[in-house]
């Protein structure tokens, strides 16, 4: 199995983009892989980065199948780039999407109605300790009793060391894209999937 550090994974992504494969294509491939592991009525919790973009692409695929995803985006800034493109597409298809930041009432309500949670809050680029209000959101996820699927790695884990950065999502399963991240060696219930990056090892 291919194991990469944060920096090696970022380089692999960038090399594909330089070869002419748009980041949106990689995001779409990630969403297609995630779609195999979700059920109707899932709550998809997104951040403002590419992990959030993966979640928005997933929501669009679910909506096309009539699977009623619910998307919450925790951010106090506007989305840009590929995540924004997927946000617009998902909205145009009628996906129910709301932004929030420190008012957790939307999250609490969504968790009470969800069939499961897809964690798309933070990705491999996270290096800082998680603080309020993201800390409280992850705590609510962990206390919800719902099945949690994490994308790439559980939000709050350091991709290189596996250290918990203040708090981390307690994922029931993690779908890791292209390679196992170095910090997840020995981590339970991780499936590495191909998203069309050169050098994938099954």
C-alpha atoms as a PDB file:
ATOM      1  CA  UNK A   1       0.000   0.000   0.000  1.00  0.00           C
ATOM      2  CA  UNK A   2       1.233   3.468  -0.890  1.00  0.00           C
ATOM      3  CA  UNK A   3       1.913   5.649   2.172  1.00  0.00           C
ATOM      4  CA  UNK A   4       2.541   9.379   1.732  1.00  0.00           C
ATOM      5  CA  UNK A   5       3.221  12.376   3.932  1.00  0.00           C
ATOM      6  CA  UNK A   6       1.171  15.556   3.692  1.00  0.00           C
ATOM      7  CA  UNK A   7       3.800  17.168   1.486  1.00  0.00           C
ATOM      8  CA  UNK A   8       4.133  14.141  -0.803  1.00  0.00           C
ATOM      9  CA  UNK A   9       0.358  13.997  -1.262  1.00  0.00           C
ATOM     10  CA  UNK A  10       0.182  17.693  -2.088  1.00  0.00           C
ATOM     11  CA  UNK A  11       2.980  17.202  -4.633  1.00  0.00           C
ATOM     12  CA  UNK A  12       1.160  14.240  -6.237  1.00  0.00           C
ATOM     13  CA  UNK A  13      -2.005  16.360  -6.551  1.00  0.00           C
ATOM     14  CA  UNK A  14      -0.090  19.264  -8.040  1.00  0.00           C
ATOM     15  CA  UNK A  15       1.736  17.069 -10.545  1.00  0.00           C
ATOM     16  CA  UNK A  16      -1.587  15.802 -11.920  1.00  0.00           C
ATOM     17  CA  UNK A  17      -2.913  19.346 -12.254  1.00  0.00           C
ATOM     18  CA  UNK A  18       0.291  20.349 -14.086  1.00  0.00           C
ATOM     19  CA  UNK A  19      -0.268  17.400 -16.436  1.00  0.00           C
ATOM     20  CA  UNK A  20      -3.611  18.938 -17.361  1.00  0.00           C
ATOM     21  CA  UNK A  21      -5.995  17.068 -15.046  1.00  0.00           C
ATOM     22  CA  UNK A  22      -8.143  19.764 -13.386  1.00  0.00           C
ATOM     23  CA  UNK A  23      -8.598  19.683  -9.640  1.00  0.00           C
ATOM     24  CA  UNK A  24     -12.341  19.459 -10.276  1.00  0.00           C
ATOM     25  CA  UNK A  25     -11.828  16.092 -11.979  1.00  0.00           C
ATOM     26  CA  UNK A  26      -9.944  14.725  -8.974  1.00  0.00           C
ATOM     27  CA  UNK A  27     -12.678  16.078  -6.701  1.00  0.00           C
ATOM     28  CA  UNK A  28     -15.323  14.352  -8.819  1.00  0.00           C
ATOM     29  CA  UNK A  29     -13.460  11.046  -8.662  1.00  0.00           C
ATOM     30  CA  UNK A  30     -13.262  11.413  -4.872  1.00  0.00           C
ATOM     31  CA  UNK A  31     -17.013  12.041  -4.686  1.00  0.00           C
ATOM     32  CA  UNK A  32     -17.766   8.992  -6.841  1.00  0.00           C
ATOM     33  CA  UNK A  33     -15.739   6.828  -4.458  1.00  0.00           C
ATOM     34  CA  UNK A  34     -17.462   8.327  -1.408  1.00  0.00           C
ATOM     35  CA  UNK A  35     -20.869   7.701  -2.962  1.00  0.00           C
ATOM     36  CA  UNK A  36     -20.302   3.945  -2.549  1.00  0.00           C
ATOM     37  CA  UNK A  37     -20.283   4.370   1.237  1.00  0.00           C
ATOM     38  CA  UNK A  38     -23.176   6.703   2.010  1.00  0.00           C
ATOM     39  CA  UNK A  39     -26.882   6.177   2.520  1.00  0.00           C
ATOM     40  CA  UNK A  40     -29.887   8.435   1.867  1.00  0.00           C
ATOM     41  CA  UNK A  41     -30.447  11.226   4.346  1.00  0.00           C
ATOM     42  CA  UNK A  42     -26.787  11.712   5.177  1.00  0.00           C
ATOM     43  CA  UNK A  43     -25.569  14.934   6.742  1.00  0.00           C
ATOM     44  CA  UNK A  44     -22.442  16.185   4.975  1.00  0.00           C
ATOM     45  CA  UNK A  45     -20.459  18.588   7.175  1.00  0.00           C
ATOM     46  CA  UNK A  46     -18.099  20.646   5.021  1.00  0.00           C
ATOM     47  CA  UNK A  47     -15.324  23.131   5.601  1.00  0.00           C
ATOM     48  CA  UNK A  48     -14.298  25.801   3.120  1.00  0.00           C
ATOM     49  CA  UNK A  49     -11.401  23.876   1.541  1.00  0.00           C
ATOM     50  CA  UNK A  50     -11.061  21.017  -0.918  1.00  0.00           C
ATOM     51  CA  UNK A  51     -12.427  18.452   1.545  1.00  0.00           C
ATOM     52  CA  UNK A  52     -15.578  20.543   1.634  1.00  0.00           C
ATOM     53  CA  UNK A  53     -15.543  20.579  -2.151  1.00  0.00           C
ATOM     54  CA  UNK A  54     -15.461  16.767  -2.146  1.00  0.00           C
ATOM     55  CA  UNK A  55     -18.505  16.797   0.117  1.00  0.00           C
ATOM     56  CA  UNK A  56     -20.405  19.197  -2.117  1.00  0.00           C
ATOM     57  CA  UNK A  57     -19.664  17.051  -5.175  1.00  0.00           C
ATOM     58  CA  UNK A  58     -20.906  14.034  -3.217  1.00  0.00           C
ATOM     59  CA  UNK A  59     -24.103  15.898  -2.291  1.00  0.00           C
ATOM     60  CA  UNK A  60     -24.752  16.638  -5.962  1.00  0.00           C
ATOM     61  CA  UNK A  61     -24.363  12.955  -6.877  1.00  0.00           C
ATOM     62  CA  UNK A  62     -26.716  11.980  -4.055  1.00  0.00           C
ATOM     63  CA  UNK A  63     -29.307  14.565  -5.080  1.00  0.00           C
ATOM     64  CA  UNK A  64     -29.290  13.200  -8.628  1.00  0.00           C
ATOM     65  CA  UNK A  65     -30.304   9.827  -7.165  1.00  0.00           C
ATOM     66  CA  UNK A  66     -33.009  11.323  -4.963  1.00  0.00           C
ATOM     67  CA  UNK A  67     -31.101  10.540  -1.759  1.00  0.00           C
ATOM     68  CA  UNK A  68     -31.829  13.824   0.039  1.00  0.00           C
ATOM     69  CA  UNK A  69     -28.435  14.866   1.386  1.00  0.00           C
ATOM     70  CA  UNK A  70     -28.225  17.716   3.897  1.00  0.00           C
ATOM     71  CA  UNK A  71     -25.161  19.947   3.668  1.00  0.00           C
ATOM     72  CA  UNK A  72     -23.840  22.274   6.335  1.00  0.00           C
ATOM     73  CA  UNK A  73     -20.764  24.377   5.637  1.00  0.00           C
ATOM     74  CA  UNK A  74     -18.934  25.647   8.700  1.00  0.00           C
ATOM     75  CA  UNK A  75     -17.024  28.713   7.609  1.00  0.00           C
ATOM     76  CA  UNK A  76     -16.990  32.468   8.101  1.00  0.00           C
ATOM     77  CA  UNK A  77     -15.492  33.048   4.668  1.00  0.00           C
ATOM     78  CA  UNK A  78     -16.741  32.610   1.127  1.00  0.00           C
ATOM     79  CA  UNK A  79     -15.834  29.485  -0.811  1.00  0.00           C
ATOM     80  CA  UNK A  80     -13.501  29.947  -3.777  1.00  0.00           C
ATOM     81  CA  UNK A  81     -12.137  27.861  -6.651  1.00  0.00           C
ATOM     82  CA  UNK A  82     -13.256  24.254  -7.086  1.00  0.00           C
ATOM     83  CA  UNK A  83     -15.311  24.126  -3.858  1.00  0.00           C
ATOM     84  CA  UNK A  84     -17.269  27.186  -5.046  1.00  0.00           C
ATOM     85  CA  UNK A  85     -17.931  25.534  -8.420  1.00  0.00           C
ATOM     86  CA  UNK A  86     -19.339  22.463  -6.667  1.00  0.00           C
ATOM     87  CA  UNK A  87     -21.362  24.643  -4.285  1.00  0.00           C
ATOM     88  CA  UNK A  88     -23.054  26.405  -7.208  1.00  0.00           C
ATOM     89  CA  UNK A  89     -23.789  23.131  -9.002  1.00  0.00           C
ATOM     90  CA  UNK A  90     -25.228  21.507  -5.876  1.00  0.00           C
ATOM     91  CA  UNK A  91     -27.423  24.547  -5.172  1.00  0.00           C
ATOM     92  CA  UNK A  92     -28.665  24.597  -8.765  1.00  0.00           C
ATOM     93  CA  UNK A  93     -29.755  20.970  -8.367  1.00  0.00           C
ATOM     94  CA  UNK A  94     -31.702  21.789  -5.229  1.00  0.00           C
ATOM     95  CA  UNK A  95     -29.417  20.394  -2.510  1.00  0.00           C
ATOM     96  CA  UNK A  96     -30.341  21.843   0.879  1.00  0.00           C
ATOM     97  CA  UNK A  97     -27.232  23.794   1.911  1.00  0.00           C
ATOM     98  CA  UNK A  98     -26.669  26.213   4.794  1.00  0.00           C
ATOM     99  CA  UNK A  99     -23.659  28.079   6.123  1.00  0.00           C
ATOM    100  CA  UNK A 100     -22.978  28.496   9.820  1.00  0.00           C
ATOM    101  CA  UNK A 101     -20.026  29.412  11.992  1.00  0.00           C
ATOM    102  CA  UNK A 102     -20.463  29.656  15.745  1.00  0.00           C
ATOM    103  CA  UNK A 103     -24.233  29.177  16.080  1.00  0.00           C
ATOM    104  CA  UNK A 104     -24.472  25.403  16.396  1.00  0.00           C
ATOM    105  CA  UNK A 105     -28.266  25.171  16.395  1.00  0.00           C
ATOM    106  CA  UNK A 106     -28.390  24.196  12.697  1.00  0.00           C
ATOM    107  CA  UNK A 107     -25.868  21.435  13.295  1.00  0.00           C
ATOM    108  CA  UNK A 108     -27.722  20.082  16.308  1.00  0.00           C
ATOM    109  CA  UNK A 109     -30.993  20.005  14.358  1.00  0.00           C
ATOM    110  CA  UNK A 110     -29.399  18.335  11.323  1.00  0.00           C
ATOM    111  CA  UNK A 111     -27.727  15.682  13.468  1.00  0.00           C
ATOM    112  CA  UNK A 112     -31.063  14.818  15.073  1.00  0.00           C
ATOM    113  CA  UNK A 113     -32.520  14.010  11.632  1.00  0.00           C
ATOM    114  CA  UNK A 114     -29.522  12.495   9.822  1.00  0.00           C
ATOM    115  CA  UNK A 115     -29.056   8.850   8.862  1.00  0.00           C
ATOM    116  CA  UNK A 116     -25.246   9.205   9.123  1.00  0.00           C
ATOM    117  CA  UNK A 117     -22.530  11.868   8.948  1.00  0.00           C
ATOM    118  CA  UNK A 118     -19.939  12.474   6.242  1.00  0.00           C
ATOM    119  CA  UNK A 119     -17.020  14.382   7.740  1.00  0.00           C
ATOM    120  CA  UNK A 120     -15.601  16.819   5.147  1.00  0.00           C
ATOM    121  CA  UNK A 121     -14.502  19.501   7.585  1.00  0.00           C
ATOM    122  CA  UNK A 122     -10.685  19.416   7.447  1.00  0.00           C
ATOM    123  CA  UNK A 123      -8.235  17.583   5.194  1.00  0.00           C
ATOM    124  CA  UNK A 124      -4.556  16.725   5.065  1.00  0.00           C
ATOM    125  CA  UNK A 125      -3.491  20.378   5.107  1.00  0.00           C
ATOM    126  CA  UNK A 126      -4.518  20.883   8.742  1.00  0.00           C
ATOM    127  CA  UNK A 127      -1.544  21.644  11.016  1.00  0.00           C
ATOM    128  CA  UNK A 128      -3.022  23.965  13.641  1.00  0.00           C
ATOM    129  CA  UNK A 129      -4.865  22.953  16.786  1.00  0.00           C
ATOM    130  CA  UNK A 130      -8.636  22.934  16.407  1.00  0.00           C
ATOM    131  CA  UNK A 131     -10.318  25.592  18.502  1.00  0.00           C
ATOM    132  CA  UNK A 132     -13.811  26.970  19.016  1.00  0.00           C
ATOM    133  CA  UNK A 133     -16.248  26.804  17.257  1.00  0.00           C
ATOM    134  CA  UNK A 134     -14.893  23.854  15.216  1.00  0.00           C
ATOM    135  CA  UNK A 135     -13.978  22.073  18.455  1.00  0.00           C
ATOM    136  CA  UNK A 136     -17.636  22.097  19.523  1.00  0.00           C
ATOM    137  CA  UNK A 137     -18.811  20.856  16.129  1.00  0.00           C
ATOM    138  CA  UNK A 138     -16.496  17.847  16.230  1.00  0.00           C
ATOM    139  CA  UNK A 139     -17.556  17.135  19.795  1.00  0.00           C
ATOM    140  CA  UNK A 140     -21.214  17.142  18.702  1.00  0.00           C
ATOM    141  CA  UNK A 141     -20.409  14.729  15.859  1.00  0.00           C
ATOM    142  CA  UNK A 142     -18.609  12.376  18.234  1.00  0.00           C
ATOM    143  CA  UNK A 143     -21.456  12.477  20.757  1.00  0.00           C
ATOM    144  CA  UNK A 144     -24.226  12.049  18.171  1.00  0.00           C
ATOM    145  CA  UNK A 145     -24.141   8.254  18.106  1.00  0.00           C
ATOM    146  CA  UNK A 146     -24.389   8.386  14.296  1.00  0.00           C
ATOM    147  CA  UNK A 147     -22.200   6.412  11.912  1.00  0.00           C
ATOM    148  CA  UNK A 148     -19.395   8.734  10.745  1.00  0.00           C
ATOM    149  CA  UNK A 149     -17.580   8.422   7.428  1.00  0.00           C
ATOM    150  CA  UNK A 150     -14.469  10.620   7.165  1.00  0.00           C
ATOM    151  CA  UNK A 151     -13.010  11.801   3.860  1.00  0.00           C
ATOM    152  CA  UNK A 152      -9.256  11.360   3.381  1.00  0.00           C
ATOM    153  CA  UNK A 153      -8.588  11.375   7.118  1.00  0.00           C
ATOM    154  CA  UNK A 154     -10.673  12.168  10.212  1.00  0.00           C
ATOM    155  CA  UNK A 155     -10.877  15.920  10.780  1.00  0.00           C
ATOM    156  CA  UNK A 156      -8.461  16.902  13.528  1.00  0.00           C
ATOM    157  CA  UNK A 157      -5.749  14.323  12.858  1.00  0.00           C
ATOM    158  CA  UNK A 158      -2.306  15.467  11.743  1.00  0.00           C
ATOM    159  CA  UNK A 159      -1.667  13.749   8.401  1.00  0.00           C
ATOM    160  CA  UNK A 160       2.049  13.278   9.130  1.00  0.00           C
ATOM    161  CA  UNK A 161       2.118  12.315  12.801  1.00  0.00           C
ATOM    162  CA  UNK A 162      -1.375  11.016  13.569  1.00  0.00           C
ATOM    163  CA  UNK A 163      -1.461  13.425  16.496  1.00  0.00           C
ATOM    164  CA  UNK A 164      -4.871  14.706  17.571  1.00  0.00           C
ATOM    165  CA  UNK A 165      -4.849  18.457  17.077  1.00  0.00           C
ATOM    166  CA  UNK A 166      -6.965  19.354  20.096  1.00  0.00           C
ATOM    167  CA  UNK A 167      -9.868  17.106  19.086  1.00  0.00           C
ATOM    168  CA  UNK A 168     -10.522  14.716  16.183  1.00  0.00           C
ATOM    169  CA  UNK A 169     -13.528  13.076  14.612  1.00  0.00           C
ATOM    170  CA  UNK A 170     -14.016   9.493  15.806  1.00  0.00           C
ATOM    171  CA  UNK A 171     -14.704   7.984  12.397  1.00  0.00           C
ATOM    172  CA  UNK A 172     -16.310   4.584  11.960  1.00  0.00           C
ATOM    173  CA  UNK A 173     -14.671   4.414   8.535  1.00  0.00           C
ATOM    174  CA  UNK A 174     -12.279   6.601   6.549  1.00  0.00           C
ATOM    175  CA  UNK A 175     -12.004   6.746   2.762  1.00  0.00           C
ATOM    176  CA  UNK A 176      -8.440   7.853   2.021  1.00  0.00           C
ATOM    177  CA  UNK A 177      -7.732   9.208  -1.449  1.00  0.00           C
ATOM    178  CA  UNK A 178      -4.836   7.846  -3.546  1.00  0.00           C
ATOM    179  CA  UNK A 179      -2.627   6.835  -0.602  1.00  0.00           C
ATOM    180  CA  UNK A 180      -2.692   6.125   3.098  1.00  0.00           C
ATOM    181  CA  UNK A 181      -1.534   9.229   4.903  1.00  0.00           C
ATOM    182  CA  UNK A 182       1.569   8.672   7.011  1.00  0.00           C
ATOM    183  CA  UNK A 183      -0.171   9.626  10.247  1.00  0.00           C
ATOM    184  CA  UNK A 184      -2.843   6.966   9.721  1.00  0.00           C
ATOM    185  CA  UNK A 185      -0.551   3.933   9.776  1.00  0.00           C
ATOM    186  CA  UNK A 186      -2.261   1.419  12.050  1.00  0.00           C
ATOM    187  CA  UNK A 187      -5.498   3.445  12.112  1.00  0.00           C
ATOM    188  CA  UNK A 188      -8.567   1.143  11.981  1.00  0.00           C
ATOM    189  CA  UNK A 189     -11.165   0.916   9.202  1.00  0.00           C
ATOM    190  CA  UNK A 190      -9.392   2.859   6.468  1.00  0.00           C
ATOM    191  CA  UNK A 191      -9.968   2.149   2.783  1.00  0.00           C
ATOM    192  CA  UNK A 192      -7.601   3.664   0.220  1.00  0.00           C
ATOM    193  CA  UNK A 193      -9.261   4.425  -3.131  1.00  0.00           C
ATOM    194  CA  UNK A 194      -8.103   5.462  -6.585  1.00  0.00           C
ATOM    195  CA  UNK A 195      -9.098   8.970  -7.694  1.00  0.00           C
ATOM    196  CA  UNK A 196      -7.001   9.061 -10.855  1.00  0.00           C
ATOM    197  CA  UNK A 197      -3.616  10.200  -9.549  1.00  0.00           C
ATOM    198  CA  UNK A 198      -0.478   8.716 -11.084  1.00  0.00           C
ATOM    199  CA  UNK A 199       1.175   5.957  -9.066  1.00  0.00           C
ATOM    200  CA  UNK A 200      -1.853   4.551  -7.254  1.00  0.00           C
ATOM    201  CA  UNK A 201      -1.092   1.178  -5.632  1.00  0.00           C
ATOM    202  CA  UNK A 202      -4.072  -1.084  -4.977  1.00  0.00           C
END
